[in-house]
Amino acid sequence: HWYKESTINPGTATESETNKHNEEAATRNAQ
């Protein structure tokens, strides 16, 4: 699912949510 776009609100996201978002974004980019 390389085409999936994950969104996150930097103002309300927790640190764990931000880390998860960054990991998913890196995976999607590699795919």
Full PDB file with SEQRES, HELIX, SHEET, SSBOND, CRYST1, ORIGX, SCALE, CONECT and MASTER records, all heavy atoms in Angstrom:
SEQRES   1 A   31  HIS TRP TYR LYS GLU SER THR ILE ASN PRO GLY THR ALA          
SEQRES   2 A   31  THR GLU SER GLU THR ASN LYS HIS ASN GLU GLU ALA ALA          
SEQRES   3 A   31  THR ARG ASN ALA GLN                                          
HELIX    1 AA1 GLU A   15  ALA A   30  1                                  16    
CRYST1    1.000    1.000    1.000  90.00  90.00  90.00 P 1           1          
ORIGX1      1.000000  0.000000  0.000000        0.00000                         
ORIGX2      0.000000  1.000000  0.000000        0.00000                         
ORIGX3      0.000000  0.000000  1.000000        0.00000                         
SCALE1      1.000000  0.000000  0.000000        0.00000                         
SCALE2      0.000000  1.000000  0.000000        0.00000                         
SCALE3      0.000000  0.000000  1.000000        0.00000                         
ATOM      1  N   HIS A   1       0.846  -1.192   0.000  1.00  0.00           N  
ATOM      2  CA  HIS A   1       0.000   0.000   0.000  1.00  0.00           C  
ATOM      3  C   HIS A   1       0.886   1.249   0.000  1.00  0.00           C  
ATOM      4  O   HIS A   1       0.751   2.136   0.850  1.00  0.00           O  
ATOM      5  CB  HIS A   1      -0.936   0.001   1.210  1.00  0.00           C  
ATOM      6  CG  HIS A   1      -1.948  -1.097   1.186  1.00  0.00           C  
ATOM      7  ND1 HIS A   1      -1.648  -2.388   1.569  1.00  0.00           N  
ATOM      8  CD2 HIS A   1      -3.249  -1.106   0.785  1.00  0.00           C  
ATOM      9  CE1 HIS A   1      -2.734  -3.151   1.439  1.00  0.00           C  
ATOM     10  NE2 HIS A   1      -3.702  -2.399   0.959  1.00  0.00           N  
ATOM     11  N   TRP A   2       1.773   1.339  -0.979  1.00  0.00           N  
ATOM     12  CA  TRP A   2       2.719   2.448  -1.056  1.00  0.00           C  
ATOM     13  C   TRP A   2       2.031   3.798  -1.241  1.00  0.00           C  
ATOM     14  O   TRP A   2       2.598   4.845  -0.943  1.00  0.00           O  
ATOM     15  CB  TRP A   2       3.681   2.222  -2.226  1.00  0.00           C  
ATOM     16  CG  TRP A   2       2.998   2.043  -3.543  1.00  0.00           C  
ATOM     17  CD1 TRP A   2       2.654   0.870  -4.131  1.00  0.00           C  
ATOM     18  CD2 TRP A   2       2.546   3.079  -4.421  1.00  0.00           C  
ATOM     19  NE1 TRP A   2       2.018   1.100  -5.329  1.00  0.00           N  
ATOM     20  CE2 TRP A   2       1.937   2.452  -5.533  1.00  0.00           C  
ATOM     21  CE3 TRP A   2       2.593   4.476  -4.383  1.00  0.00           C  
ATOM     22  CZ2 TRP A   2       1.382   3.168  -6.573  1.00  0.00           C  
ATOM     23  CZ3 TRP A   2       2.041   5.198  -5.426  1.00  0.00           C  
ATOM     24  CH2 TRP A   2       1.445   4.544  -6.508  1.00  0.00           C  
ATOM     25  N   TYR A   3       0.806   3.788  -1.714  1.00  0.00           N  
ATOM     26  CA  TYR A   3       0.082   5.013  -2.057  1.00  0.00           C  
ATOM     27  C   TYR A   3      -0.660   5.623  -0.869  1.00  0.00           C  
ATOM     28  O   TYR A   3      -1.237   6.714  -0.990  1.00  0.00           O  
ATOM     29  CB  TYR A   3      -0.922   4.721  -3.174  1.00  0.00           C  
ATOM     30  CG  TYR A   3      -1.736   3.478  -2.897  1.00  0.00           C  
ATOM     31  CD1 TYR A   3      -2.852   3.509  -2.080  1.00  0.00           C  
ATOM     32  CD2 TYR A   3      -1.359   2.254  -3.447  1.00  0.00           C  
ATOM     33  CE1 TYR A   3      -3.572   2.357  -1.816  1.00  0.00           C  
ATOM     34  CE2 TYR A   3      -2.070   1.106  -3.191  1.00  0.00           C  
ATOM     35  CZ  TYR A   3      -3.174   1.153  -2.379  1.00  0.00           C  
ATOM     36  OH  TYR A   3      -3.873   0.010  -2.113  1.00  0.00           O  
ATOM     37  N   LYS A   4      -0.674   4.949   0.268  1.00  0.00           N  
ATOM     38  CA  LYS A   4      -1.383   5.450   1.437  1.00  0.00           C  
ATOM     39  C   LYS A   4      -0.717   6.732   1.946  1.00  0.00           C  
ATOM     40  O   LYS A   4       0.495   6.789   2.108  1.00  0.00           O  
ATOM     41  CB  LYS A   4      -1.395   4.401   2.554  1.00  0.00           C  
ATOM     42  CG  LYS A   4      -2.201   3.153   2.241  1.00  0.00           C  
ATOM     43  CD  LYS A   4      -3.695   3.427   2.298  1.00  0.00           C  
ATOM     44  CE  LYS A   4      -4.497   2.139   2.158  1.00  0.00           C  
ATOM     45  NZ  LYS A   4      -5.959   2.373   2.222  1.00  0.00           N  
ATOM     46  N   GLU A   5      -1.525   7.742   2.204  1.00  0.00           N  
ATOM     47  CA  GLU A   5      -1.024   8.988   2.762  1.00  0.00           C  
ATOM     48  C   GLU A   5      -1.470   9.093   4.217  1.00  0.00           C  
ATOM     49  O   GLU A   5      -2.661   9.144   4.511  1.00  0.00           O  
ATOM     50  CB  GLU A   5      -1.551  10.186   1.973  1.00  0.00           C  
ATOM     51  CG  GLU A   5      -1.071  10.247   0.535  1.00  0.00           C  
ATOM     52  CD  GLU A   5      -1.582  11.476  -0.181  1.00  0.00           C  
ATOM     53  OE1 GLU A   5      -1.170  12.592   0.198  1.00  0.00           O  
ATOM     54  OE2 GLU A   5      -2.412  11.325  -1.107  1.00  0.00           O  
ATOM     55  N   SER A   6      -0.512   9.085   5.122  1.00  0.00           N  
ATOM     56  CA  SER A   6      -0.829   9.201   6.544  1.00  0.00           C  
ATOM     57  C   SER A   6      -0.753  10.668   6.950  1.00  0.00           C  
ATOM     58  O   SER A   6       0.162  11.389   6.559  1.00  0.00           O  
ATOM     59  CB  SER A   6       0.148   8.383   7.385  1.00  0.00           C  
ATOM     60  OG  SER A   6       1.477   8.773   7.124  1.00  0.00           O  
ATOM     61  N   THR A   7      -1.748  11.106   7.697  1.00  0.00           N  
ATOM     62  CA  THR A   7      -1.806  12.497   8.140  1.00  0.00           C  
ATOM     63  C   THR A   7      -1.725  12.556   9.659  1.00  0.00           C  
ATOM     64  O   THR A   7      -2.135  11.626  10.361  1.00  0.00           O  
ATOM     65  CB  THR A   7      -3.109  13.168   7.682  1.00  0.00           C  
ATOM     66  OG1 THR A   7      -4.235  12.416   8.206  1.00  0.00           O  
ATOM     67  CG2 THR A   7      -3.195  13.201   6.161  1.00  0.00           C  
ATOM     68  N   ILE A   8      -1.193  13.654  10.129  1.00  0.00           N  
ATOM     69  CA  ILE A   8      -1.051  13.840  11.568  1.00  0.00           C  
ATOM     70  C   ILE A   8      -1.092  15.334  11.873  1.00  0.00           C  
ATOM     71  O   ILE A   8      -0.628  16.160  11.069  1.00  0.00           O  
ATOM     72  CB  ILE A   8       0.274  13.225  12.079  1.00  0.00           C  
ATOM     73  CG1 ILE A   8       0.318  13.230  13.604  1.00  0.00           C  
ATOM     74  CG2 ILE A   8       1.474  13.945  11.505  1.00  0.00           C  
ATOM     75  CD1 ILE A   8       1.504  12.489  14.178  1.00  0.00           C  
ATOM     76  N   ASN A   9      -1.670  15.673  12.998  1.00  0.00           N  
ATOM     77  CA  ASN A   9      -1.720  17.069  13.443  1.00  0.00           C  
ATOM     78  C   ASN A   9      -0.573  17.305  14.416  1.00  0.00           C  
ATOM     79  O   ASN A   9      -0.611  16.822  15.550  1.00  0.00           O  
ATOM     80  CB  ASN A   9      -3.059  17.364  14.122  1.00  0.00           C  
ATOM     81  CG  ASN A   9      -3.239  18.843  14.423  1.00  0.00           C  
ATOM     82  OD1 ASN A   9      -2.268  19.601  14.477  1.00  0.00           O  
ATOM     83  ND2 ASN A   9      -4.472  19.261  14.630  1.00  0.00           N  
ATOM     84  N   PRO A  10       0.459  18.013  14.013  1.00  0.00           N  
ATOM     85  CA  PRO A  10       1.628  18.204  14.888  1.00  0.00           C  
ATOM     86  C   PRO A  10       1.288  18.885  16.207  1.00  0.00           C  
ATOM     87  O   PRO A  10       1.965  18.682  17.210  1.00  0.00           O  
ATOM     88  CB  PRO A  10       2.556  19.097  14.039  1.00  0.00           C  
ATOM     89  CG  PRO A  10       2.099  18.906  12.627  1.00  0.00           C  
ATOM     90  CD  PRO A  10       0.620  18.677  12.712  1.00  0.00           C  
ATOM     91  N   GLY A  11       0.205  19.677  16.183  1.00  0.00           N  
ATOM     92  CA  GLY A  11      -0.130  20.413  17.398  1.00  0.00           C  
ATOM     93  C   GLY A  11      -0.763  19.552  18.475  1.00  0.00           C  
ATOM     94  O   GLY A  11      -0.661  19.878  19.671  1.00  0.00           O  
ATOM     95  N   THR A  12      -1.443  18.474  18.099  1.00  0.00           N  
ATOM     96  CA  THR A  12      -2.154  17.644  19.078  1.00  0.00           C  
ATOM     97  C   THR A  12      -1.582  16.239  19.198  1.00  0.00           C  
ATOM     98  O   THR A  12      -1.940  15.512  20.126  1.00  0.00           O  
ATOM     99  CB  THR A  12      -3.636  17.547  18.676  1.00  0.00           C  
ATOM    100  OG1 THR A  12      -3.741  16.959  17.373  1.00  0.00           O  
ATOM    101  CG2 THR A  12      -4.286  18.925  18.666  1.00  0.00           C  
ATOM    102  N   ALA A  13      -0.724  15.847  18.296  1.00  0.00           N  
ATOM    103  CA  ALA A  13      -0.175  14.487  18.312  1.00  0.00           C  
ATOM    104  C   ALA A  13       0.797  14.299  19.471  1.00  0.00           C  
ATOM    105  O   ALA A  13       1.587  15.194  19.798  1.00  0.00           O  
ATOM    106  CB  ALA A  13       0.532  14.196  16.997  1.00  0.00           C  
ATOM    107  N   THR A  14       0.706  13.116  20.073  1.00  0.00           N  
ATOM    108  CA  THR A  14       1.651  12.787  21.138  1.00  0.00           C  
ATOM    109  C   THR A  14       2.986  12.354  20.533  1.00  0.00           C  
ATOM    110  O   THR A  14       3.098  12.155  19.327  1.00  0.00           O  
ATOM    111  CB  THR A  14       1.093  11.653  22.013  1.00  0.00           C  
ATOM    112  OG1 THR A  14       0.959  10.469  21.204  1.00  0.00           O  
ATOM    113  CG2 THR A  14      -0.261  12.028  22.589  1.00  0.00           C  
ATOM    114  N   GLU A  15       3.972  12.178  21.374  1.00  0.00           N  
ATOM    115  CA  GLU A  15       5.287  11.773  20.887  1.00  0.00           C  
ATOM    116  C   GLU A  15       5.244  10.389  20.257  1.00  0.00           C  
ATOM    117  O   GLU A  15       5.867  10.147  19.218  1.00  0.00           O  
ATOM    118  CB  GLU A  15       6.297  11.789  22.040  1.00  0.00           C  
ATOM    119  CG  GLU A  15       7.720  11.440  21.598  1.00  0.00           C  
ATOM    120  CD  GLU A  15       8.709  11.516  22.741  1.00  0.00           C  
ATOM    121  OE1 GLU A  15       8.316  11.936  23.843  1.00  0.00           O  
ATOM    122  OE2 GLU A  15       9.887  11.149  22.521  1.00  0.00           O  
ATOM    123  N   SER A  16       4.482   9.486  20.875  1.00  0.00           N  
ATOM    124  CA  SER A  16       4.383   8.135  20.324  1.00  0.00           C  
ATOM    125  C   SER A  16       3.663   8.141  18.988  1.00  0.00           C  
ATOM    126  O   SER A  16       4.034   7.408  18.060  1.00  0.00           O  
ATOM    127  CB  SER A  16       3.657   7.214  21.304  1.00  0.00           C  
ATOM    128  OG  SER A  16       2.330   7.680  21.554  1.00  0.00           O  
ATOM    129  N   GLU A  17       2.624   8.973  18.878  1.00  0.00           N  
ATOM    130  CA  GLU A  17       1.903   9.080  17.607  1.00  0.00           C  
ATOM    131  C   GLU A  17       2.807   9.667  16.515  1.00  0.00           C  
ATOM    132  O   GLU A  17       2.761   9.231  15.370  1.00  0.00           O  
ATOM    133  CB  GLU A  17       0.660   9.955  17.779  1.00  0.00           C  
ATOM    134  CG  GLU A  17      -0.436   9.300  18.600  1.00  0.00           C  
ATOM    135  CD  GLU A  17      -1.600  10.239  18.870  1.00  0.00           C  
ATOM    136  OE1 GLU A  17      -1.394  11.473  18.786  1.00  0.00           O  
ATOM    137  OE2 GLU A  17      -2.701   9.757  19.153  1.00  0.00           O  
ATOM    138  N   THR A  18       3.601  10.647  16.899  1.00  0.00           N  
ATOM    139  CA  THR A  18       4.530  11.254  15.942  1.00  0.00           C  
ATOM    140  C   THR A  18       5.571  10.245  15.481  1.00  0.00           C  
ATOM    141  O   THR A  18       5.888  10.156  14.290  1.00  0.00           O  
ATOM    142  CB  THR A  18       5.234  12.469  16.570  1.00  0.00           C  
ATOM    143  OG1 THR A  18       4.245  13.433  16.979  1.00  0.00           O  
ATOM    144  CG2 THR A  18       6.189  13.118  15.571  1.00  0.00           C  
ATOM    145  N   ASN A  19       6.100   9.474  16.427  1.00  0.00           N  
ATOM    146  CA  ASN A  19       7.096   8.454  16.073  1.00  0.00           C  
ATOM    147  C   ASN A  19       6.498   7.399  15.153  1.00  0.00           C  
ATOM    148  O   ASN A  19       7.143   6.957  14.190  1.00  0.00           O  
ATOM    149  CB  ASN A  19       7.648   7.801  17.338  1.00  0.00           C  
ATOM    150  CG  ASN A  19       8.501   8.756  18.158  1.00  0.00           C  
ATOM    151  OD1 ASN A  19       9.040   9.734  17.622  1.00  0.00           O  
ATOM    152  ND2 ASN A  19       8.613   8.494  19.449  1.00  0.00           N  
ATOM    153  N   LYS A  20       5.271   6.986  15.474  1.00  0.00           N  
ATOM    154  CA  LYS A  20       4.596   5.994  14.638  1.00  0.00           C  
ATOM    155  C   LYS A  20       4.357   6.542  13.233  1.00  0.00           C  
ATOM    156  O   LYS A  20       4.549   5.840  12.235  1.00  0.00           O  
ATOM    157  CB  LYS A  20       3.266   5.583  15.275  1.00  0.00           C  
ATOM    158  CG  LYS A  20       2.525   4.515  14.491  1.00  0.00           C  
ATOM    159  CD  LYS A  20       1.217   4.134  15.176  1.00  0.00           C  
ATOM    160  CE  LYS A  20       0.469   3.076  14.373  1.00  0.00           C  
ATOM    161  NZ  LYS A  20      -0.825   2.711  15.016  1.00  0.00           N  
ATOM    162  N   HIS A  21       3.948   7.797  13.169  1.00  0.00           N  
ATOM    163  CA  HIS A  21       3.724   8.442  11.873  1.00  0.00           C  
ATOM    164  C   HIS A  21       5.009   8.493  11.058  1.00  0.00           C  
ATOM    165  O   HIS A  21       5.008   8.190   9.856  1.00  0.00           O  
ATOM    166  CB  HIS A  21       3.186   9.857  12.084  1.00  0.00           C  
ATOM    167  CG  HIS A  21       3.201  10.698  10.843  1.00  0.00           C  
ATOM    168  ND1 HIS A  21       2.286  10.558   9.836  1.00  0.00           N  
ATOM    169  CD2 HIS A  21       4.049  11.695  10.451  1.00  0.00           C  
ATOM    170  CE1 HIS A  21       2.555  11.410   8.863  1.00  0.00           C  
ATOM    171  NE2 HIS A  21       3.612  12.123   9.208  1.00  0.00           N  
ATOM    172  N   ASN A  22       6.096   8.844  11.704  1.00  0.00           N  
ATOM    173  CA  ASN A  22       7.388   8.933  11.002  1.00  0.00           C  
ATOM    174  C   ASN A  22       7.848   7.562  10.504  1.00  0.00           C  
ATOM    175  O   ASN A  22       8.398   7.440   9.403  1.00  0.00           O  
ATOM    176  CB  ASN A  22       8.446   9.536  11.926  1.00  0.00           C  
ATOM    177  CG  ASN A  22       8.171  10.997  12.232  1.00  0.00           C  
ATOM    178  OD1 ASN A  22       7.480  11.680  11.475  1.00  0.00           O  
ATOM    179  ND2 ASN A  22       8.697  11.485  13.347  1.00  0.00           N  
ATOM    180  N   GLU A  23       7.624   6.527  11.310  1.00  0.00           N  
ATOM    181  CA  GLU A  23       7.995   5.171  10.901  1.00  0.00           C  
ATOM    182  C   GLU A  23       7.161   4.717   9.705  1.00  0.00           C  
ATOM    183  O   GLU A  23       7.690   4.114   8.750  1.00  0.00           O  
ATOM    184  CB  GLU A  23       7.805   4.206  12.075  1.00  0.00           C  
ATOM    185  CG  GLU A  23       8.802   4.412  13.214  1.00  0.00           C  
ATOM    186  CD  GLU A  23       8.519   3.496  14.384  1.00  0.00           C  
ATOM    187  OE1 GLU A  23       7.539   2.710  14.305  1.00  0.00           O  
ATOM    188  OE2 GLU A  23       9.261   3.558  15.382  1.00  0.00           O  
ATOM    189  N   GLU A  24       5.851   4.985   9.771  1.00  0.00           N  
ATOM    190  CA  GLU A  24       4.982   4.609   8.656  1.00  0.00           C  
ATOM    191  C   GLU A  24       5.355   5.374   7.389  1.00  0.00           C  
ATOM    192  O   GLU A  24       5.357   4.803   6.284  1.00  0.00           O  
ATOM    193  CB  GLU A  24       3.520   4.877   9.011  1.00  0.00           C  
ATOM    194  CG  GLU A  24       2.967   3.944  10.083  1.00  0.00           C  
ATOM    195  CD  GLU A  24       1.531   4.278  10.441  1.00  0.00           C  
ATOM    196  OE1 GLU A  24       1.051   5.354  10.015  1.00  0.00           O  
ATOM    197  OE2 GLU A  24       0.889   3.476  11.152  1.00  0.00           O  
ATOM    198  N   ALA A  25       5.672   6.656   7.541  1.00  0.00           N  
ATOM    199  CA  ALA A  25       6.061   7.463   6.383  1.00  0.00           C  
ATOM    200  C   ALA A  25       7.348   6.935   5.760  1.00  0.00           C  
ATOM    201  O   ALA A  25       7.478   6.876   4.529  1.00  0.00           O  
ATOM    202  CB  ALA A  25       6.228   8.922   6.794  1.00  0.00           C  
ATOM    203  N   ALA A  26       8.302   6.532   6.601  1.00  0.00           N  
ATOM    204  CA  ALA A  26       9.564   5.984   6.088  1.00  0.00           C  
ATOM    205  C   ALA A  26       9.322   4.666   5.352  1.00  0.00           C  
ATOM    206  O   ALA A  26       9.932   4.407   4.305  1.00  0.00           O  
ATOM    207  CB  ALA A  26      10.546   5.785   7.237  1.00  0.00           C  
ATOM    208  N   THR A  27       8.418   3.836   5.903  1.00  0.00           N  
ATOM    209  CA  THR A  27       8.087   2.565   5.255  1.00  0.00           C  
ATOM    210  C   THR A  27       7.425   2.796   3.901  1.00  0.00           C  
ATOM    211  O   THR A  27       7.778   2.157   2.898  1.00  0.00           O  
ATOM    212  CB  THR A  27       7.163   1.727   6.155  1.00  0.00           C  
ATOM    213  OG1 THR A  27       7.812   1.470   7.394  1.00  0.00           O  
ATOM    214  CG2 THR A  27       6.802   0.415   5.479  1.00  0.00           C  
ATOM    215  N   ARG A  28       6.452   3.718   3.866  1.00  0.00           N  
ATOM    216  CA  ARG A  28       5.762   4.032   2.618  1.00  0.00           C  
ATOM    217  C   ARG A  28       6.746   4.580   1.582  1.00  0.00           C  
ATOM    218  O   ARG A  28       6.670   4.241   0.398  1.00  0.00           O  
ATOM    219  CB  ARG A  28       4.663   5.071   2.861  1.00  0.00           C  
ATOM    220  CG  ARG A  28       3.572   4.624   3.818  1.00  0.00           C  
ATOM    221  CD  ARG A  28       2.730   3.520   3.228  1.00  0.00           C  
ATOM    222  NE  ARG A  28       1.630   3.185   4.106  1.00  0.00           N  
ATOM    223  CZ  ARG A  28       1.219   1.966   4.365  1.00  0.00           C  
ATOM    224  NH1 ARG A  28       1.822   0.935   3.801  1.00  0.00           N  
ATOM    225  NH2 ARG A  28       0.204   1.734   5.171  1.00  0.00           N  
ATOM    226  N   ASN A  29       7.665   5.409   2.029  1.00  0.00           N  
ATOM    227  CA  ASN A  29       8.636   5.989   1.103  1.00  0.00           C  
ATOM    228  C   ASN A  29       9.538   4.914   0.498  1.00  0.00           C  
ATOM    229  O   ASN A  29       9.831   4.925  -0.702  1.00  0.00           O  
ATOM    230  CB  ASN A  29       9.478   7.038   1.821  1.00  0.00           C  
ATOM    231  CG  ASN A  29      10.431   7.757   0.884  1.00  0.00           C  
ATOM    232  OD1 ASN A  29      10.035   8.326  -0.119  1.00  0.00           O  
ATOM    233  ND2 ASN A  29      11.717   7.731   1.222  1.00  0.00           N  
ATOM    234  N   ALA A  30       9.965   3.971   1.345  1.00  0.00           N  
ATOM    235  CA  ALA A  30      10.805   2.867   0.851  1.00  0.00           C  
ATOM    236  C   ALA A  30      10.021   2.000  -0.129  1.00  0.00           C  
ATOM    237  O   ALA A  30      10.549   1.574  -1.167  1.00  0.00           O  
ATOM    238  CB  ALA A  30      11.301   2.029   2.024  1.00  0.00           C  
ATOM    239  N   GLN A  31       8.744   1.727   0.199  1.00  0.00           N  
ATOM    240  CA  GLN A  31       7.904   0.936  -0.698  1.00  0.00           C  
ATOM    241  C   GLN A  31       7.698   1.657  -2.031  1.00  0.00           C  
ATOM    242  O   GLN A  31       7.729   1.034  -3.089  1.00  0.00           O  
ATOM    243  CB  GLN A  31       6.551   0.664  -0.044  1.00  0.00           C  
ATOM    244  CG  GLN A  31       6.616  -0.281   1.140  1.00  0.00           C  
ATOM    245  CD  GLN A  31       5.281  -0.412   1.848  1.00  0.00           C  
ATOM    246  OE1 GLN A  31       4.389   0.437   1.683  1.00  0.00           O  
ATOM    247  NE2 GLN A  31       5.126  -1.460   2.635  1.00  0.00           N  
TER     248      GLN A  31                                                      
MASTER        0    0    0    1    0    0    0    6  247    1    0    3          
END                                                                             
